[in-house]
Amino acid sequence: MVLLISPFAPHIAEELWIELGHASGIMNADWPAVSEEALKRNELQLVVQVNGKVRDKIKVSSSATKEEVESVALAAEKVQQWLEGKTIRKVIVVPSRLVNIAVS
């Protein structure tokens, strides 16, 4: 934590760093390594729009195909009420972002 606050509060971070028992200054310390595995998500939350207006949010697997995302979006309960009696013209799936359903 002390490393992360050092750009914003360098003097306090330096004092805390020395109090924690480090011999060299905080400016000589290496930044923590990024763990790529920790950045991966197993599940995504996507917005479902009907004619450009947000109607629901769905959760799908991060490895789901466009067809799977589309079927989950069309099966969503809140979306179903906006599709009743209307013809689906087009379904646009923007990966990891949203699903837009154009109806008339």
N, C-alpha and C. Protein backbone atom coordinates (compact mmCIF):
# COMPACT_ATOMS: atom_id res chain seq x y z
N MET A 1 0.82 -1.19 0.00
CA MET A 1 0.00 0.00 0.00
C MET A 1 0.87 1.25 0.00
N VAL A 2 1.96 1.20 0.73
CA VAL A 2 2.83 2.36 0.83
C VAL A 2 3.40 2.71 -0.54
N LEU A 3 3.73 1.69 -1.33
CA LEU A 3 4.23 1.93 -2.69
C LEU A 3 3.19 2.65 -3.54
N LEU A 4 1.94 2.28 -3.36
CA LEU A 4 0.88 2.85 -4.17
C LEU A 4 0.57 4.30 -3.82
N ILE A 5 0.78 4.69 -2.57
CA ILE A 5 0.50 6.07 -2.21
C ILE A 5 1.71 6.98 -2.44
N SER A 6 2.86 6.41 -2.74
CA SER A 6 4.08 7.22 -2.88
C SER A 6 4.00 8.29 -3.98
N PRO A 7 3.33 8.07 -5.12
CA PRO A 7 3.24 9.16 -6.10
C PRO A 7 2.41 10.34 -5.61
N PHE A 8 1.46 10.09 -4.73
CA PHE A 8 0.56 11.15 -4.26
C PHE A 8 1.04 11.84 -2.98
N ALA A 9 1.70 11.06 -2.13
CA ALA A 9 2.20 11.59 -0.87
C ALA A 9 3.62 11.07 -0.65
N PRO A 10 4.58 11.57 -1.39
CA PRO A 10 5.93 10.99 -1.36
C PRO A 10 6.64 11.10 -0.01
N HIS A 11 6.44 12.20 0.70
CA HIS A 11 7.16 12.38 1.96
C HIS A 11 6.63 11.43 3.05
N ILE A 12 5.33 11.34 3.13
CA ILE A 12 4.73 10.42 4.11
C ILE A 12 5.07 8.98 3.75
N ALA A 13 5.00 8.64 2.46
CA ALA A 13 5.30 7.28 2.02
C ALA A 13 6.75 6.92 2.33
N GLU A 14 7.65 7.87 2.17
CA GLU A 14 9.07 7.62 2.48
C GLU A 14 9.25 7.31 3.97
N GLU A 15 8.59 8.09 4.82
CA GLU A 15 8.67 7.87 6.27
C GLU A 15 8.08 6.52 6.65
N LEU A 16 6.93 6.19 6.09
CA LEU A 16 6.30 4.89 6.38
C LEU A 16 7.18 3.73 5.90
N TRP A 17 7.80 3.91 4.74
CA TRP A 17 8.66 2.87 4.16
C TRP A 17 9.83 2.57 5.09
N ILE A 18 10.42 3.62 5.64
CA ILE A 18 11.54 3.44 6.57
C ILE A 18 11.06 2.80 7.87
N GLU A 19 9.88 3.22 8.36
CA GLU A 19 9.31 2.63 9.58
C GLU A 19 9.00 1.15 9.41
N LEU A 20 8.69 0.73 8.18
CA LEU A 20 8.41 -0.68 7.92
C LEU A 20 9.69 -1.52 7.88
N GLY A 21 10.86 -0.87 7.96
CA GLY A 21 12.10 -1.60 8.07
C GLY A 21 12.90 -1.74 6.80
N HIS A 22 12.57 -1.02 5.76
CA HIS A 22 13.32 -1.11 4.51
C HIS A 22 14.54 -0.18 4.59
N ALA A 23 15.67 -0.69 4.10
CA ALA A 23 16.92 0.07 4.21
C ALA A 23 16.99 1.18 3.17
N SER A 24 16.68 0.86 1.93
CA SER A 24 16.75 1.88 0.88
C SER A 24 15.43 2.64 0.79
N GLY A 25 15.46 3.78 0.14
CA GLY A 25 14.27 4.62 0.02
C GLY A 25 13.21 4.01 -0.88
N ILE A 26 12.02 4.54 -0.77
CA ILE A 26 10.88 4.02 -1.53
C ILE A 26 11.03 4.29 -3.02
N MET A 27 11.77 5.32 -3.37
CA MET A 27 11.97 5.65 -4.79
C MET A 27 12.80 4.58 -5.50
N ASN A 28 13.56 3.80 -4.75
CA ASN A 28 14.36 2.72 -5.34
C ASN A 28 13.62 1.39 -5.38
N ALA A 29 12.45 1.33 -4.79
CA ALA A 29 11.69 0.07 -4.73
C ALA A 29 11.00 -0.20 -6.06
N ASP A 30 10.83 -1.49 -6.37
CA ASP A 30 10.14 -1.90 -7.59
C ASP A 30 8.64 -1.93 -7.34
N TRP A 31 7.88 -1.63 -8.41
CA TRP A 31 6.43 -1.71 -8.32
C TRP A 31 6.01 -3.18 -8.25
N PRO A 32 4.87 -3.46 -7.63
CA PRO A 32 4.39 -4.84 -7.59
C PRO A 32 4.13 -5.36 -9.01
N ALA A 33 4.38 -6.63 -9.22
CA ALA A 33 4.16 -7.23 -10.54
C ALA A 33 2.67 -7.45 -10.76
N VAL A 34 2.25 -7.29 -11.99
CA VAL A 34 0.84 -7.48 -12.36
C VAL A 34 0.60 -8.96 -12.59
N SER A 35 -0.46 -9.47 -12.01
CA SER A 35 -0.85 -10.85 -12.22
C SER A 35 -1.94 -10.89 -13.28
N GLU A 36 -1.60 -11.34 -14.47
CA GLU A 36 -2.56 -11.41 -15.58
C GLU A 36 -3.73 -12.34 -15.25
N GLU A 37 -3.46 -13.37 -14.49
CA GLU A 37 -4.51 -14.33 -14.11
C GLU A 37 -5.58 -13.67 -13.25
N ALA A 38 -5.17 -12.74 -12.40
CA ALA A 38 -6.12 -12.06 -11.53
C ALA A 38 -7.02 -11.10 -12.31
N LEU A 39 -6.60 -10.68 -13.49
CA LEU A 39 -7.38 -9.74 -14.29
C LEU A 39 -8.47 -10.41 -15.11
N LYS A 40 -8.38 -11.72 -15.26
CA LYS A 40 -9.38 -12.44 -16.05
C LYS A 40 -10.68 -12.58 -15.26
N ARG A 41 -11.79 -12.43 -15.99
CA ARG A 41 -13.10 -12.58 -15.37
C ARG A 41 -13.79 -13.82 -15.94
N ASN A 42 -14.47 -14.56 -15.07
CA ASN A 42 -15.19 -15.74 -15.52
C ASN A 42 -16.58 -15.40 -16.03
N GLU A 43 -17.12 -14.29 -15.53
CA GLU A 43 -18.49 -13.93 -15.86
C GLU A 43 -18.54 -12.44 -16.22
N LEU A 44 -19.33 -12.11 -17.22
CA LEU A 44 -19.49 -10.72 -17.65
C LEU A 44 -20.92 -10.27 -17.45
N GLN A 45 -21.10 -9.00 -17.14
CA GLN A 45 -22.44 -8.42 -17.06
C GLN A 45 -22.62 -7.54 -18.28
N LEU A 46 -23.64 -7.85 -19.08
CA LEU A 46 -23.90 -7.12 -20.31
C LEU A 46 -25.23 -6.39 -20.20
N VAL A 47 -25.30 -5.26 -20.86
CA VAL A 47 -26.53 -4.48 -20.94
C VAL A 47 -27.33 -4.98 -22.13
N VAL A 48 -28.65 -5.12 -21.94
CA VAL A 48 -29.53 -5.51 -23.04
C VAL A 48 -30.41 -4.31 -23.37
N GLN A 49 -30.34 -3.88 -24.62
CA GLN A 49 -31.14 -2.75 -25.07
C GLN A 49 -32.20 -3.24 -26.05
N VAL A 50 -33.35 -2.60 -25.99
CA VAL A 50 -34.39 -2.84 -26.99
C VAL A 50 -34.63 -1.48 -27.64
N ASN A 51 -34.37 -1.42 -28.93
CA ASN A 51 -34.45 -0.17 -29.70
C ASN A 51 -33.62 0.94 -29.06
N GLY A 52 -32.44 0.59 -28.57
CA GLY A 52 -31.50 1.57 -28.05
C GLY A 52 -31.72 2.01 -26.62
N LYS A 53 -32.74 1.47 -25.95
CA LYS A 53 -32.99 1.83 -24.55
C LYS A 53 -32.68 0.64 -23.66
N VAL A 54 -31.98 0.88 -22.57
CA VAL A 54 -31.59 -0.19 -21.66
C VAL A 54 -32.84 -0.77 -21.01
N ARG A 55 -32.98 -2.08 -21.13
CA ARG A 55 -34.14 -2.77 -20.57
C ARG A 55 -33.77 -3.80 -19.52
N ASP A 56 -32.54 -4.31 -19.55
CA ASP A 56 -32.13 -5.33 -18.60
C ASP A 56 -30.62 -5.47 -18.62
N LYS A 57 -30.11 -6.20 -17.64
CA LYS A 57 -28.70 -6.58 -17.58
C LYS A 57 -28.66 -8.08 -17.39
N ILE A 58 -27.75 -8.73 -18.11
CA ILE A 58 -27.63 -10.18 -18.02
C ILE A 58 -26.19 -10.53 -17.67
N LYS A 59 -26.03 -11.72 -17.11
CA LYS A 59 -24.70 -12.24 -16.81
C LYS A 59 -24.47 -13.47 -17.67
N VAL A 60 -23.31 -13.47 -18.34
CA VAL A 60 -22.94 -14.59 -19.20
C VAL A 60 -21.49 -14.96 -18.94
N SER A 61 -21.13 -16.15 -19.35
CA SER A 61 -19.75 -16.60 -19.22
C SER A 61 -18.86 -15.77 -20.13
N SER A 62 -17.65 -15.50 -19.71
CA SER A 62 -16.73 -14.71 -20.54
C SER A 62 -16.33 -15.44 -21.81
N SER A 63 -16.53 -16.74 -21.84
CA SER A 63 -16.19 -17.52 -23.04
C SER A 63 -17.41 -17.80 -23.92
N ALA A 64 -18.55 -17.17 -23.62
CA ALA A 64 -19.78 -17.40 -24.38
C ALA A 64 -19.65 -16.84 -25.80
N THR A 65 -20.22 -17.56 -26.75
CA THR A 65 -20.21 -17.11 -28.14
C THR A 65 -21.31 -16.07 -28.34
N LYS A 66 -21.29 -15.42 -29.50
CA LYS A 66 -22.31 -14.41 -29.80
C LYS A 66 -23.71 -15.03 -29.81
N GLU A 67 -23.81 -16.25 -30.32
CA GLU A 67 -25.10 -16.93 -30.37
C GLU A 67 -25.63 -17.23 -28.98
N GLU A 68 -24.75 -17.64 -28.08
CA GLU A 68 -25.17 -17.92 -26.70
C GLU A 68 -25.59 -16.65 -25.99
N VAL A 69 -24.85 -15.57 -26.19
CA VAL A 69 -25.20 -14.29 -25.58
C VAL A 69 -26.55 -13.81 -26.11
N GLU A 70 -26.76 -13.96 -27.40
CA GLU A 70 -28.02 -13.55 -28.02
C GLU A 70 -29.19 -14.34 -27.45
N SER A 71 -29.04 -15.65 -27.30
CA SER A 71 -30.13 -16.47 -26.78
C SER A 71 -30.44 -16.14 -25.33
N VAL A 72 -29.42 -15.84 -24.51
CA VAL A 72 -29.65 -15.45 -23.12
C VAL A 72 -30.37 -14.11 -23.07
N ALA A 73 -29.97 -13.18 -23.93
CA ALA A 73 -30.60 -11.86 -23.96
C ALA A 73 -32.07 -11.95 -24.37
N LEU A 74 -32.35 -12.75 -25.38
CA LEU A 74 -33.73 -12.89 -25.84
C LEU A 74 -34.60 -13.63 -24.84
N ALA A 75 -34.01 -14.46 -24.00
CA ALA A 75 -34.77 -15.22 -23.01
C ALA A 75 -34.97 -14.45 -21.71
N ALA A 76 -34.32 -13.31 -21.55
CA ALA A 76 -34.45 -12.54 -20.30
C ALA A 76 -35.89 -12.09 -20.11
N GLU A 77 -36.36 -12.22 -18.87
CA GLU A 77 -37.77 -11.94 -18.56
C GLU A 77 -38.16 -10.49 -18.83
N LYS A 78 -37.32 -9.55 -18.42
CA LYS A 78 -37.63 -8.13 -18.62
C LYS A 78 -37.63 -7.76 -20.11
N VAL A 79 -36.80 -8.45 -20.88
CA VAL A 79 -36.74 -8.17 -22.32
C VAL A 79 -37.96 -8.73 -23.02
N GLN A 80 -38.44 -9.87 -22.56
CA GLN A 80 -39.60 -10.51 -23.18
C GLN A 80 -40.81 -9.60 -23.24
N GLN A 81 -41.03 -8.80 -22.19
CA GLN A 81 -42.21 -7.93 -22.19
C GLN A 81 -42.11 -6.83 -23.25
N TRP A 82 -40.88 -6.46 -23.63
CA TRP A 82 -40.70 -5.45 -24.67
C TRP A 82 -40.72 -6.05 -26.07
N LEU A 83 -40.68 -7.36 -26.15
CA LEU A 83 -40.70 -8.04 -27.45
C LEU A 83 -42.07 -8.58 -27.82
N GLU A 84 -43.01 -8.59 -26.87
CA GLU A 84 -44.33 -9.16 -27.12
C GLU A 84 -45.05 -8.44 -28.25
N GLY A 85 -45.49 -9.22 -29.22
CA GLY A 85 -46.25 -8.68 -30.34
C GLY A 85 -45.43 -7.88 -31.33
N LYS A 86 -44.12 -7.95 -31.25
CA LYS A 86 -43.26 -7.19 -32.15
C LYS A 86 -42.36 -8.14 -32.92
N THR A 87 -41.89 -7.67 -34.05
CA THR A 87 -41.00 -8.46 -34.89
C THR A 87 -39.56 -8.04 -34.64
N ILE A 88 -38.72 -9.03 -34.39
CA ILE A 88 -37.30 -8.75 -34.18
C ILE A 88 -36.67 -8.54 -35.55
N ARG A 89 -36.13 -7.35 -35.77
CA ARG A 89 -35.50 -7.02 -37.06
C ARG A 89 -34.01 -7.37 -37.07
N LYS A 90 -33.34 -7.08 -35.96
CA LYS A 90 -31.91 -7.31 -35.93
C LYS A 90 -31.45 -7.41 -34.48
N VAL A 91 -30.46 -8.27 -34.23
CA VAL A 91 -29.84 -8.40 -32.91
C VAL A 91 -28.36 -8.12 -33.09
N ILE A 92 -27.88 -7.09 -32.38
CA ILE A 92 -26.48 -6.70 -32.47
C ILE A 92 -25.81 -7.03 -31.15
N VAL A 93 -24.76 -7.84 -31.21
CA VAL A 93 -24.01 -8.22 -30.02
C VAL A 93 -22.64 -7.57 -30.10
N VAL A 94 -22.36 -6.68 -29.15
CA VAL A 94 -21.03 -6.08 -29.04
C VAL A 94 -20.32 -6.86 -27.95
N PRO A 95 -19.29 -7.63 -28.30
CA PRO A 95 -18.64 -8.51 -27.31
C PRO A 95 -18.19 -7.76 -26.07
N SER A 96 -18.48 -8.34 -24.93
CA SER A 96 -18.11 -7.83 -23.60
C SER A 96 -18.75 -6.48 -23.25
N ARG A 97 -19.73 -6.03 -24.03
CA ARG A 97 -20.34 -4.73 -23.77
C ARG A 97 -21.86 -4.79 -23.66
N LEU A 98 -22.52 -5.08 -24.79
CA LEU A 98 -23.98 -5.00 -24.80
C LEU A 98 -24.61 -5.84 -25.89
N VAL A 99 -25.94 -5.95 -25.78
CA VAL A 99 -26.75 -6.60 -26.80
C VAL A 99 -27.87 -5.61 -27.13
N ASN A 100 -28.02 -5.28 -28.41
CA ASN A 100 -29.07 -4.37 -28.83
C ASN A 100 -30.02 -5.13 -29.73
N ILE A 101 -31.30 -5.07 -29.40
CA ILE A 101 -32.34 -5.77 -30.16
C ILE A 101 -33.19 -4.71 -30.84
N ALA A 102 -33.22 -4.74 -32.17
CA ALA A 102 -34.04 -3.80 -32.92
C ALA A 102 -35.36 -4.49 -33.26
N VAL A 103 -36.46 -3.88 -32.84
CA VAL A 103 -37.79 -4.44 -33.09
C VAL A 103 -38.67 -3.40 -33.75
N SER A 104 -39.74 -3.89 -34.37
CA SER A 104 -40.73 -2.97 -34.94
C SER A 104 -42.12 -3.55 -34.77
